[in-house]
């Protein structure tokens, strides 16, 4: 993943939307996409410093959420990116 994509929230949503489109084109179910998005959320929370206010808010929400809530956040991000793309 190009880390520059994380410097701008709109660019991040565009990137995520493109990945969702690719996954859907490969026949991946929405549940599987949410699973992958949740794993990506864990990676980003653990390894990447937030680059803007939106990412800081998402990280704070992610860090205080339980596993179910994290999956919900990931699903919301996927739907938001899909609609924006």
C-alpha atoms as a PDB file:
ATOM      1  CA  UNK A   1       0.000   0.000   0.000  1.00  0.00           C
ATOM      2  CA  UNK A   2       1.294   3.464  -0.901  1.00  0.00           C
ATOM      3  CA  UNK A   3       1.496   5.241   2.449  1.00  0.00           C
ATOM      4  CA  UNK A   4       0.889   8.617   0.736  1.00  0.00           C
ATOM      5  CA  UNK A   5      -2.702   7.487   0.322  1.00  0.00           C
ATOM      6  CA  UNK A   6      -3.097   7.910   4.087  1.00  0.00           C
ATOM      7  CA  UNK A   7      -2.104  11.587   4.092  1.00  0.00           C
ATOM      8  CA  UNK A   8      -5.472  12.719   2.736  1.00  0.00           C
ATOM      9  CA  UNK A   9      -8.745  11.239   3.980  1.00  0.00           C
ATOM     10  CA  UNK A  10     -10.497  11.635   0.632  1.00  0.00           C
ATOM     11  CA  UNK A  11      -7.610   9.842  -1.089  1.00  0.00           C
ATOM     12  CA  UNK A  12      -7.876   7.079   1.530  1.00  0.00           C
ATOM     13  CA  UNK A  13     -11.614   6.661   0.871  1.00  0.00           C
ATOM     14  CA  UNK A  14     -10.935   6.558  -2.891  1.00  0.00           C
ATOM     15  CA  UNK A  15      -8.245   3.884  -2.398  1.00  0.00           C
ATOM     16  CA  UNK A  16     -10.513   1.844  -0.136  1.00  0.00           C
ATOM     17  CA  UNK A  17     -13.375   2.183  -2.637  1.00  0.00           C
ATOM     18  CA  UNK A  18     -11.147   0.864  -5.425  1.00  0.00           C
ATOM     19  CA  UNK A  19     -10.179  -2.135  -3.289  1.00  0.00           C
ATOM     20  CA  UNK A  20     -13.833  -2.838  -2.469  1.00  0.00           C
ATOM     21  CA  UNK A  21     -14.683  -2.698  -6.187  1.00  0.00           C
ATOM     22  CA  UNK A  22     -11.908  -5.184  -6.955  1.00  0.00           C
ATOM     23  CA  UNK A  23     -13.034  -7.534  -4.187  1.00  0.00           C
ATOM     24  CA  UNK A  24     -16.646  -7.395  -5.379  1.00  0.00           C
ATOM     25  CA  UNK A  25     -15.547  -8.040  -8.970  1.00  0.00           C
ATOM     26  CA  UNK A  26     -13.731 -11.159  -7.741  1.00  0.00           C
ATOM     27  CA  UNK A  27     -16.964 -12.344  -6.158  1.00  0.00           C
ATOM     28  CA  UNK A  28     -15.948 -11.724  -2.570  1.00  0.00           C
ATOM     29  CA  UNK A  29     -18.925 -11.539  -0.178  1.00  0.00           C
ATOM     30  CA  UNK A  30     -19.632  -8.418   1.868  1.00  0.00           C
ATOM     31  CA  UNK A  31     -18.886 -10.418   5.035  1.00  0.00           C
ATOM     32  CA  UNK A  32     -15.457 -11.399   3.688  1.00  0.00           C
ATOM     33  CA  UNK A  33     -14.778  -7.792   2.641  1.00  0.00           C
ATOM     34  CA  UNK A  34     -15.670  -6.680   6.186  1.00  0.00           C
ATOM     35  CA  UNK A  35     -13.271  -9.328   7.571  1.00  0.00           C
ATOM     36  CA  UNK A  36     -10.440  -8.005   5.408  1.00  0.00           C
ATOM     37  CA  UNK A  37     -11.294  -4.394   6.304  1.00  0.00           C
ATOM     38  CA  UNK A  38     -11.200  -5.324  10.000  1.00  0.00           C
ATOM     39  CA  UNK A  39      -7.741  -6.865   9.581  1.00  0.00           C
ATOM     40  CA  UNK A  40      -6.620  -3.735   7.721  1.00  0.00           C
ATOM     41  CA  UNK A  41      -7.995  -1.633  10.583  1.00  0.00           C
ATOM     42  CA  UNK A  42      -5.911  -3.609  13.090  1.00  0.00           C
ATOM     43  CA  UNK A  43      -2.799  -3.148  10.942  1.00  0.00           C
ATOM     44  CA  UNK A  44      -3.352   0.585  10.498  1.00  0.00           C
ATOM     45  CA  UNK A  45      -4.090   1.110  14.178  1.00  0.00           C
ATOM     46  CA  UNK A  46      -0.956  -0.781  15.234  1.00  0.00           C
ATOM     47  CA  UNK A  47       1.541   0.315  12.577  1.00  0.00           C
ATOM     48  CA  UNK A  48       0.556   3.669  11.067  1.00  0.00           C
ATOM     49  CA  UNK A  49       0.492   7.057  12.759  1.00  0.00           C
ATOM     50  CA  UNK A  50      -2.646   9.047  11.910  1.00  0.00           C
ATOM     51  CA  UNK A  51      -1.910  11.718   9.290  1.00  0.00           C
ATOM     52  CA  UNK A  52      -4.984  13.897   9.750  1.00  0.00           C
ATOM     53  CA  UNK A  53      -7.866  14.643  12.135  1.00  0.00           C
ATOM     54  CA  UNK A  54     -10.176  12.044  10.566  1.00  0.00           C
ATOM     55  CA  UNK A  55      -7.606   9.272  10.936  1.00  0.00           C
ATOM     56  CA  UNK A  56      -6.899  10.309  14.546  1.00  0.00           C
ATOM     57  CA  UNK A  57     -10.616  10.091  15.335  1.00  0.00           C
ATOM     58  CA  UNK A  58     -10.908   6.675  13.655  1.00  0.00           C
ATOM     59  CA  UNK A  59      -7.867   5.411  15.562  1.00  0.00           C
ATOM     60  CA  UNK A  60      -9.280   6.634  18.880  1.00  0.00           C
ATOM     61  CA  UNK A  61     -12.628   4.989  18.121  1.00  0.00           C
ATOM     62  CA  UNK A  62     -10.877   1.784  16.995  1.00  0.00           C
ATOM     63  CA  UNK A  63      -8.647   1.621  20.049  1.00  0.00           C
ATOM     64  CA  UNK A  64     -11.515   1.872  22.555  1.00  0.00           C
ATOM     65  CA  UNK A  65     -13.823  -0.494  20.653  1.00  0.00           C
ATOM     66  CA  UNK A  66     -14.282  -4.188  21.260  1.00  0.00           C
ATOM     67  CA  UNK A  67     -13.999  -6.709  18.413  1.00  0.00           C
ATOM     68  CA  UNK A  68     -17.675  -6.407  17.436  1.00  0.00           C
ATOM     69  CA  UNK A  69     -17.511  -2.637  17.357  1.00  0.00           C
ATOM     70  CA  UNK A  70     -14.307  -2.719  15.294  1.00  0.00           C
ATOM     71  CA  UNK A  71     -16.036  -4.928  12.736  1.00  0.00           C
ATOM     72  CA  UNK A  72     -18.885  -2.410  12.637  1.00  0.00           C
ATOM     73  CA  UNK A  73     -16.461   0.480  12.115  1.00  0.00           C
ATOM     74  CA  UNK A  74     -14.742  -1.456   9.318  1.00  0.00           C
ATOM     75  CA  UNK A  75     -18.086  -2.211   7.679  1.00  0.00           C
ATOM     76  CA  UNK A  76     -19.109   1.433   7.856  1.00  0.00           C
ATOM     77  CA  UNK A  77     -15.813   2.495   6.284  1.00  0.00           C
ATOM     78  CA  UNK A  78     -16.296  -0.026   3.478  1.00  0.00           C
ATOM     79  CA  UNK A  79     -19.815   1.226   2.765  1.00  0.00           C
ATOM     80  CA  UNK A  80     -18.695   4.858   2.956  1.00  0.00           C
ATOM     81  CA  UNK A  81     -15.823   4.210   0.547  1.00  0.00           C
ATOM     82  CA  UNK A  82     -18.069   2.228  -1.794  1.00  0.00           C
ATOM     83  CA  UNK A  83     -20.596   5.090  -1.974  1.00  0.00           C
ATOM     84  CA  UNK A  84     -17.870   7.696  -2.458  1.00  0.00           C
ATOM     85  CA  UNK A  85     -16.260   5.751  -5.274  1.00  0.00           C
END
